[in-house]
């Protein structure tokens, strides 16, 4: 499914889902799932880049006091330029948003251990 517009859905489980957009190839886009009791404190959800979204929450009044950067990092199988570009975007958006508190959450594509070919992953010595 390709979405060109943000999606906001409320579920019977008292959760609200905020999803950003995907690009034309169906790649990227991040989302945040929030308890509906917290939804009244949400100022906005914005897709900042293909793999970065920002949920702005206010504690009291109209001034946001918390920015949650939701991330979906490229895995180590991507070329170094893509990975470097992602982390440069993350740093840029982290520095540009002037809120008192910032939280960075997401899937950073971490892999533990040495790189192995697909054959090495699926074939082992017995």
C-alpha atoms as a PDB file:
ATOM      1  CA  UNK A   1       0.000   0.000   0.000  1.00  0.00           C
ATOM      2  CA  UNK A   2       1.414   3.395  -0.980  1.00  0.00           C
ATOM      3  CA  UNK A   3       0.292   6.449   0.930  1.00  0.00           C
ATOM      4  CA  UNK A   4       0.975   9.944  -0.281  1.00  0.00           C
ATOM      5  CA  UNK A   5      -0.778  11.615   2.667  1.00  0.00           C
ATOM      6  CA  UNK A   6      -0.320  11.180   6.434  1.00  0.00           C
ATOM      7  CA  UNK A   7      -2.679   8.792   8.205  1.00  0.00           C
ATOM      8  CA  UNK A   8      -4.215   9.126  11.656  1.00  0.00           C
ATOM      9  CA  UNK A   9      -6.291   6.227  13.037  1.00  0.00           C
ATOM     10  CA  UNK A  10      -7.971   5.668  16.418  1.00  0.00           C
ATOM     11  CA  UNK A  11      -8.470   2.073  17.590  1.00  0.00           C
ATOM     12  CA  UNK A  12     -10.893   0.476  20.051  1.00  0.00           C
ATOM     13  CA  UNK A  13      -7.849  -0.492  22.130  1.00  0.00           C
ATOM     14  CA  UNK A  14      -7.522   3.174  23.191  1.00  0.00           C
ATOM     15  CA  UNK A  15      -4.526   3.737  20.937  1.00  0.00           C
ATOM     16  CA  UNK A  16      -4.038   6.330  18.236  1.00  0.00           C
ATOM     17  CA  UNK A  17      -1.730   5.725  15.275  1.00  0.00           C
ATOM     18  CA  UNK A  18       0.070   8.517  13.430  1.00  0.00           C
ATOM     19  CA  UNK A  19       1.755   7.481  10.159  1.00  0.00           C
ATOM     20  CA  UNK A  20       3.857   9.554   7.816  1.00  0.00           C
ATOM     21  CA  UNK A  21       3.997   9.146   4.052  1.00  0.00           C
ATOM     22  CA  UNK A  22       5.973   6.704   1.934  1.00  0.00           C
ATOM     23  CA  UNK A  23       7.872   7.601  -1.187  1.00  0.00           C
ATOM     24  CA  UNK A  24       6.754   6.567  -4.670  1.00  0.00           C
ATOM     25  CA  UNK A  25       8.554   3.206  -4.448  1.00  0.00           C
ATOM     26  CA  UNK A  26       6.783   2.287  -1.206  1.00  0.00           C
ATOM     27  CA  UNK A  27       9.945   2.751   0.840  1.00  0.00           C
ATOM     28  CA  UNK A  28      10.218   4.554   4.157  1.00  0.00           C
ATOM     29  CA  UNK A  29       7.704   6.284   6.332  1.00  0.00           C
ATOM     30  CA  UNK A  30       7.516   6.055  10.102  1.00  0.00           C
ATOM     31  CA  UNK A  31       4.709   6.009  12.610  1.00  0.00           C
ATOM     32  CA  UNK A  32       3.991   6.494  16.280  1.00  0.00           C
ATOM     33  CA  UNK A  33       1.401   4.646  18.383  1.00  0.00           C
ATOM     34  CA  UNK A  34       0.080   6.714  21.306  1.00  0.00           C
ATOM     35  CA  UNK A  35      -2.395   5.946  24.080  1.00  0.00           C
ATOM     36  CA  UNK A  36      -5.541   8.016  23.461  1.00  0.00           C
ATOM     37  CA  UNK A  37      -5.253   9.557  26.926  1.00  0.00           C
ATOM     38  CA  UNK A  38      -2.052  11.227  25.685  1.00  0.00           C
ATOM     39  CA  UNK A  39      -3.491  12.249  22.299  1.00  0.00           C
ATOM     40  CA  UNK A  40      -4.915  15.500  23.658  1.00  0.00           C
ATOM     41  CA  UNK A  41      -1.331  16.592  24.387  1.00  0.00           C
ATOM     42  CA  UNK A  42      -0.145  16.052  20.802  1.00  0.00           C
ATOM     43  CA  UNK A  43       0.676  19.231  18.944  1.00  0.00           C
ATOM     44  CA  UNK A  44       1.567  17.606  15.604  1.00  0.00           C
ATOM     45  CA  UNK A  45       3.086  14.659  13.774  1.00  0.00           C
ATOM     46  CA  UNK A  46       5.256  15.411  10.765  1.00  0.00           C
ATOM     47  CA  UNK A  47       7.254  13.259   8.368  1.00  0.00           C
ATOM     48  CA  UNK A  48      10.639  15.038   8.234  1.00  0.00           C
ATOM     49  CA  UNK A  49      12.431  12.677   5.848  1.00  0.00           C
ATOM     50  CA  UNK A  50      11.801   9.230   4.374  1.00  0.00           C
ATOM     51  CA  UNK A  51      13.030   7.558   7.563  1.00  0.00           C
ATOM     52  CA  UNK A  52      12.396  10.276  10.160  1.00  0.00           C
ATOM     53  CA  UNK A  53       9.218  11.538  11.766  1.00  0.00           C
ATOM     54  CA  UNK A  54       8.594  13.990  14.595  1.00  0.00           C
ATOM     55  CA  UNK A  55       5.799  13.882  17.168  1.00  0.00           C
ATOM     56  CA  UNK A  56       5.511  17.174  19.033  1.00  0.00           C
ATOM     57  CA  UNK A  57       3.760  17.100  22.401  1.00  0.00           C
ATOM     58  CA  UNK A  58       2.877  19.970  24.661  1.00  0.00           C
ATOM     59  CA  UNK A  59       2.791  19.633  28.394  1.00  0.00           C
ATOM     60  CA  UNK A  60       0.615  22.652  29.146  1.00  0.00           C
ATOM     61  CA  UNK A  61      -0.527  25.481  26.940  1.00  0.00           C
ATOM     62  CA  UNK A  62       0.382  25.959  23.283  1.00  0.00           C
ATOM     63  CA  UNK A  63       4.183  25.587  23.584  1.00  0.00           C
ATOM     64  CA  UNK A  64       5.501  22.087  22.751  1.00  0.00           C
ATOM     65  CA  UNK A  65       7.780  20.794  25.473  1.00  0.00           C
ATOM     66  CA  UNK A  66       8.652  17.388  24.037  1.00  0.00           C
ATOM     67  CA  UNK A  67       9.793  16.329  20.575  1.00  0.00           C
ATOM     68  CA  UNK A  68       9.924  12.612  19.838  1.00  0.00           C
ATOM     69  CA  UNK A  69      11.986  11.778  16.754  1.00  0.00           C
ATOM     70  CA  UNK A  70      10.810   8.425  15.385  1.00  0.00           C
ATOM     71  CA  UNK A  71      13.436   6.772  13.195  1.00  0.00           C
ATOM     72  CA  UNK A  72      13.836   3.835  10.868  1.00  0.00           C
ATOM     73  CA  UNK A  73      17.539   3.613  10.034  1.00  0.00           C
ATOM     74  CA  UNK A  74      18.904   1.837   6.975  1.00  0.00           C
ATOM     75  CA  UNK A  75      20.540  -1.489   7.781  1.00  0.00           C
ATOM     76  CA  UNK A  76      24.217  -2.191   7.288  1.00  0.00           C
ATOM     77  CA  UNK A  77      23.403  -3.754   3.910  1.00  0.00           C
ATOM     78  CA  UNK A  78      22.824  -0.234   2.504  1.00  0.00           C
ATOM     79  CA  UNK A  79      25.669   1.704   0.936  1.00  0.00           C
ATOM     80  CA  UNK A  80      27.642   3.929   3.284  1.00  0.00           C
ATOM     81  CA  UNK A  81      26.316   7.106   1.650  1.00  0.00           C
ATOM     82  CA  UNK A  82      22.699   6.197   2.491  1.00  0.00           C
ATOM     83  CA  UNK A  83      23.571   5.403   6.096  1.00  0.00           C
ATOM     84  CA  UNK A  84      25.655   8.574   6.441  1.00  0.00           C
ATOM     85  CA  UNK A  85      22.847  10.644   4.902  1.00  0.00           C
ATOM     86  CA  UNK A  86      20.346   9.209   7.399  1.00  0.00           C
ATOM     87  CA  UNK A  87      22.506  10.090  10.404  1.00  0.00           C
ATOM     88  CA  UNK A  88      23.203  13.565   9.014  1.00  0.00           C
ATOM     89  CA  UNK A  89      19.432  14.130   8.669  1.00  0.00           C
ATOM     90  CA  UNK A  90      18.879  12.827  12.198  1.00  0.00           C
ATOM     91  CA  UNK A  91      21.485  15.199  13.614  1.00  0.00           C
ATOM     92  CA  UNK A  92      20.112  18.128  11.602  1.00  0.00           C
ATOM     93  CA  UNK A  93      16.539  17.601  12.815  1.00  0.00           C
ATOM     94  CA  UNK A  94      17.711  16.949  16.377  1.00  0.00           C
ATOM     95  CA  UNK A  95      19.563  20.272  16.479  1.00  0.00           C
ATOM     96  CA  UNK A  96      16.947  22.383  14.691  1.00  0.00           C
ATOM     97  CA  UNK A  97      13.967  21.660  16.967  1.00  0.00           C
ATOM     98  CA  UNK A  98      14.082  23.937  19.969  1.00  0.00           C
ATOM     99  CA  UNK A  99      12.198  22.106  22.681  1.00  0.00           C
ATOM    100  CA  UNK A 100      13.121  21.507  26.267  1.00  0.00           C
ATOM    101  CA  UNK A 101      13.131  17.718  25.963  1.00  0.00           C
ATOM    102  CA  UNK A 102      13.950  15.527  22.955  1.00  0.00           C
ATOM    103  CA  UNK A 103      13.657  11.762  22.649  1.00  0.00           C
ATOM    104  CA  UNK A 104      15.021   9.713  19.753  1.00  0.00           C
ATOM    105  CA  UNK A 105      13.372   6.304  19.312  1.00  0.00           C
ATOM    106  CA  UNK A 106      13.226   3.745  16.569  1.00  0.00           C
ATOM    107  CA  UNK A 107      14.860   0.941  14.686  1.00  0.00           C
ATOM    108  CA  UNK A 108      18.518   1.700  14.138  1.00  0.00           C
ATOM    109  CA  UNK A 109      19.145  -1.461  12.120  1.00  0.00           C
ATOM    110  CA  UNK A 110      21.787  -2.758  14.493  1.00  0.00           C
ATOM    111  CA  UNK A 111      23.417  -6.051  13.676  1.00  0.00           C
ATOM    112  CA  UNK A 112      25.758  -7.859  16.041  1.00  0.00           C
ATOM    113  CA  UNK A 113      28.754  -9.831  14.873  1.00  0.00           C
ATOM    114  CA  UNK A 114      30.820  -9.873  11.692  1.00  0.00           C
ATOM    115  CA  UNK A 115      29.229  -9.331   8.281  1.00  0.00           C
ATOM    116  CA  UNK A 116      28.371 -12.564   6.523  1.00  0.00           C
ATOM    117  CA  UNK A 117      27.187 -13.377   3.037  1.00  0.00           C
ATOM    118  CA  UNK A 118      23.648 -14.757   2.606  1.00  0.00           C
ATOM    119  CA  UNK A 119      25.160 -18.207   2.014  1.00  0.00           C
ATOM    120  CA  UNK A 120      27.074 -18.042   5.295  1.00  0.00           C
ATOM    121  CA  UNK A 121      23.932 -17.049   7.153  1.00  0.00           C
ATOM    122  CA  UNK A 122      21.883 -20.003   5.895  1.00  0.00           C
ATOM    123  CA  UNK A 123      24.585 -22.671   5.538  1.00  0.00           C
ATOM    124  CA  UNK A 124      26.634 -23.814   8.481  1.00  0.00           C
ATOM    125  CA  UNK A 125      29.244 -26.458   9.139  1.00  0.00           C
ATOM    126  CA  UNK A 126      27.785 -29.387  11.009  1.00  0.00           C
END
